[in-house]
PDB file of N, CA and C in Angstrom:
ATOM      1  N   MET A   1       5.195 -23.902 -52.587  1.00  0.00           N
ATOM      2  CA  MET A   1       5.742 -22.589 -52.369  1.00  0.00           C
ATOM      3  C   MET A   1       6.628 -22.191 -53.551  1.00  0.00           C
ATOM      4  N   VAL A   2       6.883 -20.929 -53.663  1.00  0.00           N
ATOM      5  CA  VAL A   2       7.709 -20.405 -54.742  1.00  0.00           C
ATOM      6  C   VAL A   2       9.165 -20.711 -54.419  1.00  0.00           C
ATOM      7  N   LYS A   3       9.824 -21.377 -55.333  1.00  0.00           N
ATOM      8  CA  LYS A   3      11.221 -21.763 -55.106  1.00  0.00           C
ATOM      9  C   LYS A   3      12.121 -21.043 -56.083  1.00  0.00           C
ATOM     10  N   GLY A   4      13.383 -21.014 -55.778  1.00  0.00           N
ATOM     11  CA  GLY A   4      14.370 -20.402 -56.653  1.00  0.00           C
ATOM     12  C   GLY A   4      15.605 -20.091 -55.840  1.00  0.00           C
ATOM     13  N   SER A   5      16.686 -19.811 -56.534  1.00  0.00           N
ATOM     14  CA  SER A   5      17.911 -19.478 -55.828  1.00  0.00           C
ATOM     15  C   SER A   5      17.838 -18.036 -55.333  1.00  0.00           C
ATOM     16  N   LYS A   6      18.716 -17.696 -54.409  1.00  0.00           N
ATOM     17  CA  LYS A   6      18.732 -16.319 -53.887  1.00  0.00           C
ATOM     18  C   LYS A   6      19.040 -15.311 -54.989  1.00  0.00           C
ATOM     19  N   LYS A   7      19.768 -15.738 -56.019  1.00  0.00           N
ATOM     20  CA  LYS A   7      20.097 -14.848 -57.130  1.00  0.00           C
ATOM     21  C   LYS A   7      18.838 -14.415 -57.871  1.00  0.00           C
ATOM     22  N   ASP A   8      17.796 -15.261 -57.839  1.00  0.00           N
ATOM     23  CA  ASP A   8      16.567 -14.995 -58.578  1.00  0.00           C
ATOM     24  C   ASP A   8      15.543 -14.203 -57.771  1.00  0.00           C
ATOM     25  N   LYS A   9      15.918 -13.722 -56.612  1.00  0.00           N
ATOM     26  CA  LYS A   9      14.945 -13.077 -55.725  1.00  0.00           C
ATOM     27  C   LYS A   9      15.382 -11.670 -55.333  1.00  0.00           C
ATOM     28  N   VAL A  10      14.405 -10.880 -54.938  1.00  0.00           N
ATOM     29  CA  VAL A  10      14.658  -9.561 -54.356  1.00  0.00           C
ATOM     30  C   VAL A  10      13.873  -9.472 -53.058  1.00  0.00           C
ATOM     31  N   ARG A  11      14.313  -8.621 -52.171  1.00  0.00           N
ATOM     32  CA  ARG A  11      13.666  -8.472 -50.870  1.00  0.00           C
ATOM     33  C   ARG A  11      12.496  -7.516 -50.985  1.00  0.00           C
ATOM     34  N   LEU A  12      11.419  -7.837 -50.277  1.00  0.00           N
ATOM     35  CA  LEU A  12      10.223  -7.000 -50.205  1.00  0.00           C
ATOM     36  C   LEU A  12       9.940  -6.731 -48.736  1.00  0.00           C
ATOM     37  N   THR A  13       9.833  -5.488 -48.387  1.00  0.00           N
ATOM     38  CA  THR A  13       9.527  -5.117 -47.007  1.00  0.00           C
ATOM     39  C   THR A  13       8.155  -4.470 -46.981  1.00  0.00           C
ATOM     40  N   ILE A  14       7.295  -4.939 -46.076  1.00  0.00           N
ATOM     41  CA  ILE A  14       5.965  -4.348 -45.946  1.00  0.00           C
ATOM     42  C   ILE A  14       5.720  -3.966 -44.492  1.00  0.00           C
ATOM     43  N   ASP A  15       4.869  -2.978 -44.307  1.00  0.00           N
ATOM     44  CA  ASP A  15       4.467  -2.564 -42.965  1.00  0.00           C
ATOM     45  C   ASP A  15       3.064  -3.099 -42.701  1.00  0.00           C
ATOM     46  N   LEU A  16       2.904  -3.784 -41.575  1.00  0.00           N
ATOM     47  CA  LEU A  16       1.608  -4.315 -41.162  1.00  0.00           C
ATOM     48  C   LEU A  16       1.230  -3.726 -39.811  1.00  0.00           C
ATOM     49  N   PRO A  17      -0.064  -3.562 -39.574  1.00  0.00           N
ATOM     50  CA  PRO A  17      -0.480  -3.197 -38.223  1.00  0.00           C
ATOM     51  C   PRO A  17      -0.041  -4.299 -37.242  1.00  0.00           C
ATOM     52  N   ILE A  18       0.255  -3.941 -36.034  1.00  0.00           N
ATOM     53  CA  ILE A  18       0.774  -4.889 -35.035  1.00  0.00           C
ATOM     54  C   ILE A  18      -0.134  -6.105 -34.890  1.00  0.00           C
ATOM     55  N   ASP A  19      -1.445  -5.889 -34.804  1.00  0.00           N
ATOM     56  CA  ASP A  19      -2.373  -7.006 -34.625  1.00  0.00           C
ATOM     57  C   ASP A  19      -2.338  -7.969 -35.812  1.00  0.00           C
ATOM     58  N   GLU A  20      -2.271  -7.432 -37.027  1.00  0.00           N
ATOM     59  CA  GLU A  20      -2.214  -8.292 -38.205  1.00  0.00           C
ATOM     60  C   GLU A  20      -0.902  -9.069 -38.251  1.00  0.00           C
ATOM     61  N   HIS A  21       0.184  -8.427 -37.849  1.00  0.00           N
ATOM     62  CA  HIS A  21       1.479  -9.105 -37.817  1.00  0.00           C
ATOM     63  C   HIS A  21       1.443 -10.274 -36.840  1.00  0.00           C
ATOM     64  N   LYS A  22       0.880 -10.042 -35.669  1.00  0.00           N
ATOM     65  CA  LYS A  22       0.785 -11.116 -34.661  1.00  0.00           C
ATOM     66  C   LYS A  22      -0.062 -12.268 -35.186  1.00  0.00           C
ATOM     67  N   TYR A  23      -1.203 -11.928 -35.781  1.00  0.00           N
ATOM     68  CA  TYR A  23      -2.095 -12.959 -36.312  1.00  0.00           C
ATOM     69  C   TYR A  23      -1.408 -13.737 -37.432  1.00  0.00           C
ATOM     70  N   PHE A  24      -0.725 -13.024 -38.320  1.00  0.00           N
ATOM     71  CA  PHE A  24      -0.010 -13.659 -39.427  1.00  0.00           C
ATOM     72  C   PHE A  24       1.054 -14.615 -38.904  1.00  0.00           C
ATOM     73  N   LYS A  25       1.775 -14.176 -37.881  1.00  0.00           N
ATOM     74  CA  LYS A  25       2.834 -15.005 -37.290  1.00  0.00           C
ATOM     75  C   LYS A  25       2.247 -16.266 -36.649  1.00  0.00           C
ATOM     76  N   ILE A  26       1.137 -16.104 -35.943  1.00  0.00           N
ATOM     77  CA  ILE A  26       0.465 -17.256 -35.328  1.00  0.00           C
ATOM     78  C   ILE A  26      -0.033 -18.218 -36.400  1.00  0.00           C
ATOM     79  N   LEU A  27      -0.638 -17.668 -37.446  1.00  0.00           N
ATOM     80  CA  LEU A  27      -1.142 -18.493 -38.538  1.00  0.00           C
ATOM     81  C   LEU A  27      -0.018 -19.296 -39.182  1.00  0.00           C
ATOM     82  N   CYS A  28       1.094 -18.655 -39.455  1.00  0.00           N
ATOM     83  CA  CYS A  28       2.244 -19.343 -40.061  1.00  0.00           C
ATOM     84  C   CYS A  28       2.751 -20.462 -39.167  1.00  0.00           C
ATOM     85  N   THR A  29       2.835 -20.184 -37.876  1.00  0.00           N
ATOM     86  CA  THR A  29       3.284 -21.202 -36.924  1.00  0.00           C
ATOM     87  C   THR A  29       2.312 -22.375 -36.921  1.00  0.00           C
ATOM     88  N   THR A  30       1.030 -22.077 -36.928  1.00  0.00           N
ATOM     89  CA  THR A  30       0.000 -23.112 -36.931  1.00  0.00           C
ATOM     90  C   THR A  30       0.091 -23.974 -38.191  1.00  0.00           C
ATOM     91  N   LEU A  31       0.357 -23.340 -39.320  1.00  0.00           N
ATOM     92  CA  LEU A  31       0.463 -24.063 -40.593  1.00  0.00           C
ATOM     93  C   LEU A  31       1.824 -24.714 -40.797  1.00  0.00           C
ATOM     94  N   GLY A  32       2.769 -24.393 -39.936  1.00  0.00           N
ATOM     95  CA  GLY A  32       4.111 -24.950 -40.073  1.00  0.00           C
ATOM     96  C   GLY A  32       4.893 -24.332 -41.217  1.00  0.00           C
ATOM     97  N   LEU A  33       4.600 -23.067 -41.517  1.00  0.00           N
ATOM     98  CA  LEU A  33       5.262 -22.368 -42.608  1.00  0.00           C
ATOM     99  C   LEU A  33       6.002 -21.150 -42.080  1.00  0.00           C
ATOM    100  N   SER A  34       7.031 -20.753 -42.797  1.00  0.00           N
ATOM    101  CA  SER A  34       7.684 -19.494 -42.448  1.00  0.00           C
ATOM    102  C   SER A  34       6.805 -18.356 -42.966  1.00  0.00           C
ATOM    103  N   MET A  35       6.958 -17.189 -42.379  1.00  0.00           N
ATOM    104  CA  MET A  35       6.205 -16.030 -42.838  1.00  0.00           C
ATOM    105  C   MET A  35       6.569 -15.715 -44.279  1.00  0.00           C
ATOM    106  N   GLN A  36       7.840 -15.858 -44.611  1.00  0.00           N
ATOM    107  CA  GLN A  36       8.296 -15.602 -45.977  1.00  0.00           C
ATOM    108  C   GLN A  36       7.636 -16.562 -46.966  1.00  0.00           C
ATOM    109  N   ASP A  37       7.599 -17.854 -46.626  1.00  0.00           N
ATOM    110  CA  ASP A  37       7.007 -18.837 -47.529  1.00  0.00           C
ATOM    111  C   ASP A  37       5.519 -18.575 -47.761  1.00  0.00           C
ATOM    112  N   LEU A  38       4.781 -18.282 -46.686  1.00  0.00           N
ATOM    113  CA  LEU A  38       3.354 -18.037 -46.849  1.00  0.00           C
ATOM    114  C   LEU A  38       3.104 -16.755 -47.642  1.00  0.00           C
ATOM    115  N   ALA A  39       3.842 -15.694 -47.342  1.00  0.00           N
ATOM    116  CA  ALA A  39       3.674 -14.436 -48.074  1.00  0.00           C
ATOM    117  C   ALA A  39       4.004 -14.640 -49.554  1.00  0.00           C
ATOM    118  N   SER A  40       5.084 -15.344 -49.842  1.00  0.00           N
ATOM    119  CA  SER A  40       5.465 -15.612 -51.236  1.00  0.00           C
ATOM    120  C   SER A  40       4.394 -16.428 -51.943  1.00  0.00           C
ATOM    121  N   HIS A  41       3.858 -17.419 -51.249  1.00  0.00           N
ATOM    122  CA  HIS A  41       2.817 -18.266 -51.830  1.00  0.00           C
ATOM    123  C   HIS A  41       1.560 -17.450 -52.143  1.00  0.00           C
ATOM    124  N   VAL A  42       1.141 -16.613 -51.211  1.00  0.00           N
ATOM    125  CA  VAL A  42      -0.069 -15.806 -51.404  1.00  0.00           C
ATOM    126  C   VAL A  42       0.113 -14.821 -52.560  1.00  0.00           C
ATOM    127  N   ILE A  43       1.269 -14.185 -52.634  1.00  0.00           N
ATOM    128  CA  ILE A  43       1.534 -13.250 -53.734  1.00  0.00           C
ATOM    129  C   ILE A  43       1.543 -13.985 -55.065  1.00  0.00           C
ATOM    130  N   HIS A  44       2.209 -15.140 -55.103  1.00  0.00           N
ATOM    131  CA  HIS A  44       2.261 -15.938 -56.338  1.00  0.00           C
ATOM    132  C   HIS A  44       0.851 -16.357 -56.759  1.00  0.00           C
ATOM    133  N   GLN A  45       0.050 -16.827 -55.812  1.00  0.00           N
ATOM    134  CA  GLN A  45      -1.321 -17.256 -56.109  1.00  0.00           C
ATOM    135  C   GLN A  45      -2.144 -16.081 -56.646  1.00  0.00           C
ATOM    136  N   PHE A  46      -2.011 -14.909 -56.034  1.00  0.00           N
ATOM    137  CA  PHE A  46      -2.734 -13.723 -56.489  1.00  0.00           C
ATOM    138  C   PHE A  46      -2.348 -13.370 -57.918  1.00  0.00           C
ATOM    139  N   LEU A  47      -1.051 -13.401 -58.209  1.00  0.00           N
ATOM    140  CA  LEU A  47      -0.581 -13.072 -59.553  1.00  0.00           C
ATOM    141  C   LEU A  47      -1.097 -14.072 -60.590  1.00  0.00           C
ATOM    142  N   GLU A  48      -1.116 -15.358 -60.239  1.00  0.00           N
ATOM    143  CA  GLU A  48      -1.635 -16.387 -61.147  1.00  0.00           C
ATOM    144  C   GLU A  48      -3.122 -16.162 -61.423  1.00  0.00           C
ATOM    145  N   GLU A  49      -3.904 -15.879 -60.377  1.00  0.00           N
ATOM    146  CA  GLU A  49      -5.334 -15.641 -60.549  1.00  0.00           C
ATOM    147  C   GLU A  49      -5.581 -14.387 -61.380  1.00  0.00           C
ATOM    148  N   TYR A  50      -4.804 -13.345 -61.152  1.00  0.00           N
ATOM    149  CA  TYR A  50      -4.938 -12.115 -61.920  1.00  0.00           C
ATOM    150  C   TYR A  50      -4.624 -12.373 -63.394  1.00  0.00           C
ATOM    151  N   GLU A  51      -3.578 -13.130 -63.644  1.00  0.00           N
ATOM    152  CA  GLU A  51      -3.198 -13.464 -65.022  1.00  0.00           C
ATOM    153  C   GLU A  51      -4.306 -14.271 -65.699  1.00  0.00           C
ATOM    154  N   ASP A  52      -4.913 -15.202 -64.964  1.00  0.00           N
ATOM    155  CA  ASP A  52      -6.016 -15.987 -65.521  1.00  0.00           C
ATOM    156  C   ASP A  52      -7.187 -15.080 -65.899  1.00  0.00           C
ATOM    157  N   LYS A  53      -7.489 -14.092 -65.061  1.00  0.00           N
ATOM    158  CA  LYS A  53      -8.576 -13.156 -65.361  1.00  0.00           C
ATOM    159  C   LYS A  53      -8.255 -12.340 -66.606  1.00  0.00           C
ATOM    160  N   LEU A  54      -7.001 -11.929 -66.755  1.00  0.00           N
ATOM    161  CA  LEU A  54      -6.601 -11.196 -67.956  1.00  0.00           C
ATOM    162  C   LEU A  54      -6.745 -12.064 -69.195  1.00  0.00           C
ATOM    163  N   ASP A  55      -6.341 -13.328 -69.084  1.00  0.00           N
ATOM    164  CA  ASP A  55      -6.467 -14.252 -70.216  1.00  0.00           C
ATOM    165  C   ASP A  55      -7.936 -14.441 -70.591  1.00  0.00           C
ATOM    166  N   LEU A  56      -8.804 -14.601 -69.586  1.00  0.00           N
ATOM    167  CA  LEU A  56     -10.227 -14.769 -69.836  1.00  0.00           C
ATOM    168  C   LEU A  56     -10.806 -13.519 -70.488  1.00  0.00           C
ATOM    169  N   SER A  57     -10.404 -12.362 -69.982  1.00  0.00           N
ATOM    170  CA  SER A  57     -10.889 -11.102 -70.536  1.00  0.00           C
ATOM    171  C   SER A  57     -10.487 -10.971 -72.006  1.00  0.00           C
ATOM    172  N   LEU A  58      -9.255 -11.323 -72.322  1.00  0.00           N
ATOM    173  CA  LEU A  58      -8.784 -11.261 -73.708  1.00  0.00           C
ATOM    174  C   LEU A  58      -9.549 -12.250 -74.584  1.00  0.00           C
ATOM    175  N   ALA A  59      -9.808 -13.444 -74.057  1.00  0.00           N
ATOM    176  CA  ALA A  59     -10.549 -14.443 -74.824  1.00  0.00           C
ATOM    177  C   ALA A  59     -11.970 -13.951 -75.118  1.00  0.00           C
ATOM    178  N   ILE A  60     -12.618 -13.368 -74.116  1.00  0.00           N
ATOM    179  CA  ILE A  60     -13.977 -12.840 -74.309  1.00  0.00           C
ATOM    180  C   ILE A  60     -13.960 -11.710 -75.328  1.00  0.00           C
ATOM    181  N   GLN A  61     -12.978 -10.832 -75.232  1.00  0.00           N
ATOM    182  CA  GLN A  61     -12.853  -9.719 -76.179  1.00  0.00           C
ATOM    183  C   GLN A  61     -12.657 -10.243 -77.601  1.00  0.00           C
ATOM    184  N   THR A  62     -11.806 -11.239 -77.760  1.00  0.00           N
ATOM    185  CA  THR A  62     -11.544 -11.812 -79.080  1.00  0.00           C
ATOM    186  C   THR A  62     -12.800 -12.466 -79.650  1.00  0.00           C
ATOM    187  N   LEU A  63     -13.525 -13.230 -78.813  1.00  0.00           N
ATOM    188  CA  LEU A  63     -14.758 -13.865 -79.278  1.00  0.00           C
ATOM    189  C   LEU A  63     -15.800 -12.822 -79.678  1.00  0.00           C
ATOM    190  N   THR A  64     -15.879 -11.743 -78.923  1.00  0.00           N
ATOM    191  CA  THR A  64     -16.806 -10.664 -79.255  1.00  0.00           C
ATOM    192  C   THR A  64     -16.452 -10.052 -80.606  1.00  0.00           C
ATOM    193  N   GLU A  65     -15.164  -9.828 -80.845  1.00  0.00           N
ATOM    194  CA  GLU A  65     -14.724  -9.268 -82.125  1.00  0.00           C
ATOM    195  C   GLU A  65     -15.003 -10.226 -83.278  1.00  0.00           C
ATOM    196  N   ILE A  66     -14.856 -11.518 -83.033  1.00  0.00           N
ATOM    197  CA  ILE A  66     -15.154 -12.517 -84.067  1.00  0.00           C
ATOM    198  C   ILE A  66     -16.644 -12.481 -84.392  1.00  0.00           C
ATOM    199  N   LYS A  67     -17.484 -12.431 -83.347  1.00  0.00           N
ATOM    200  CA  LYS A  67     -18.936 -12.396 -83.562  1.00  0.00           C
ATOM    201  C   LYS A  67     -19.360 -11.144 -84.322  1.00  0.00           C
ATOM    202  N   LYS A  68     -18.667 -10.030 -84.097  1.00  0.00           N
ATOM    203  CA  LYS A  68     -18.992  -8.779 -84.780  1.00  0.00           C
ATOM    204  C   LYS A  68     -18.380  -8.719 -86.176  1.00  0.00           C
ATOM    205  N   GLY A  69     -17.592  -9.720 -86.539  1.00  0.00           N
ATOM    206  CA  GLY A  69     -16.957  -9.752 -87.850  1.00  0.00           C
ATOM    207  C   GLY A  69     -15.696  -8.918 -87.941  1.00  0.00           C
ATOM    208  N   LYS A  70     -15.198  -8.432 -86.800  1.00  0.00           N
ATOM    209  CA  LYS A  70     -13.981  -7.611 -86.799  1.00  0.00           C
ATOM    210  C   LYS A  70     -12.717  -8.466 -86.798  1.00  0.00           C
ATOM    211  N   ASP A  71     -12.856  -9.729 -86.485  1.00  0.00           N
ATOM    212  CA  ASP A  71     -11.717 -10.639 -86.434  1.00  0.00           C
ATOM    213  C   ASP A  71     -12.195 -11.982 -86.959  1.00  0.00           C
ATOM    214  N   LYS A  72     -11.262 -12.818 -87.397  1.00  0.00           N
ATOM    215  CA  LYS A  72     -11.610 -14.132 -87.907  1.00  0.00           C
ATOM    216  C   LYS A  72     -10.911 -15.201 -87.087  1.00  0.00           C
ATOM    217  N   PRO A  73     -11.606 -16.317 -86.849  1.00  0.00           N
ATOM    218  CA  PRO A  73     -10.934 -17.414 -86.144  1.00  0.00           C
ATOM    219  C   PRO A  73      -9.834 -17.999 -87.019  1.00  0.00           C
ATOM    220  N   ILE A  74      -8.844 -18.585 -86.395  1.00  0.00           N
ATOM    221  CA  ILE A  74      -7.713 -19.178 -87.123  1.00  0.00           C
ATOM    222  C   ILE A  74      -7.984 -20.662 -87.335  1.00  0.00           C
ATOM    223  N   ASN A  75      -7.795 -21.123 -88.547  1.00  0.00           N
ATOM    224  CA  ASN A  75      -7.920 -22.528 -88.874  1.00  0.00           C
ATOM    225  C   ASN A  75      -6.765 -23.274 -88.207  1.00  0.00           C
ATOM    226  N   TYR A  76      -7.068 -24.413 -87.562  1.00  0.00           N
ATOM    227  CA  TYR A  76      -6.055 -25.162 -86.827  1.00  0.00           C
ATOM    228  C   TYR A  76      -4.910 -25.618 -87.733  1.00  0.00           C
ATOM    229  N   ASP A  77      -5.227 -26.105 -88.933  1.00  0.00           N
ATOM    230  CA  ASP A  77      -4.175 -26.566 -89.847  1.00  0.00           C
ATOM    231  C   ASP A  77      -3.274 -25.408 -90.276  1.00  0.00           C
ATOM    232  N   LYS A  78      -3.872 -24.242 -90.544  1.00  0.00           N
ATOM    233  CA  LYS A  78      -3.087 -23.066 -90.908  1.00  0.00           C
ATOM    234  C   LYS A  78      -2.211 -22.633 -89.727  1.00  0.00           C
ATOM    235  N   PHE A  79      -2.768 -22.689 -88.536  1.00  0.00           N
ATOM    236  CA  PHE A  79      -2.029 -22.342 -87.321  1.00  0.00           C
ATOM    237  C   PHE A  79      -0.784 -23.215 -87.187  1.00  0.00           C
ATOM    238  N   ARG A  80      -0.962 -24.540 -87.355  1.00  0.00           N
ATOM    239  CA  ARG A  80       0.181 -25.451 -87.263  1.00  0.00           C
ATOM    240  C   ARG A  80       1.202 -25.165 -88.358  1.00  0.00           C
ATOM    241  N   LYS A  81       0.729 -24.891 -89.562  1.00  0.00           N
ATOM    242  CA  LYS A  81       1.615 -24.608 -90.683  1.00  0.00           C
ATOM    243  C   LYS A  81       2.404 -23.316 -90.411  1.00  0.00           C
ATOM    244  N   ASP A  82       1.723 -22.286 -89.910  1.00  0.00           N
ATOM    245  CA  ASP A  82       2.399 -21.018 -89.598  1.00  0.00           C
ATOM    246  C   ASP A  82       3.481 -21.200 -88.537  1.00  0.00           C
ATOM    247  N   LEU A  83       3.267 -22.155 -87.626  1.00  0.00           N
ATOM    248  CA  LEU A  83       4.260 -22.437 -86.581  1.00  0.00           C
ATOM    249  C   LEU A  83       5.344 -23.392 -87.058  1.00  0.00           C
ATOM    250  N   GLY A  84       5.159 -23.930 -88.262  1.00  0.00           N
ATOM    251  CA  GLY A  84       6.146 -24.861 -88.792  1.00  0.00           C
ATOM    252  C   GLY A  84       6.041 -26.259 -88.211  1.00  0.00           C
ATOM    253  N   LEU A  85       4.839 -26.618 -87.772  1.00  0.00           N
ATOM    254  CA  LEU A  85       4.634 -27.951 -87.170  1.00  0.00           C
ATOM    255  C   LEU A  85       4.067 -28.933 -88.165  1.00  0.00           C
TER     256      LEU A  85
END
């Protein structure tokens, strides 16, 4: 689950249909989780998956540009040198 101090968090209020709220509450009880913990976990997981898709999209775009000659791959030794490693 997503952890952190209360200082690092903000409150989020959502409206759910009554049936979904009941089901969500039952599910949390069955899993032994608080509603807050499960909601935080699901949001965090969604954000991570979305970020991964963005990273993949950028990688595909970069490879396409390299294949078209619009961009050049970076030499690993030059990359390390540029970073001062």
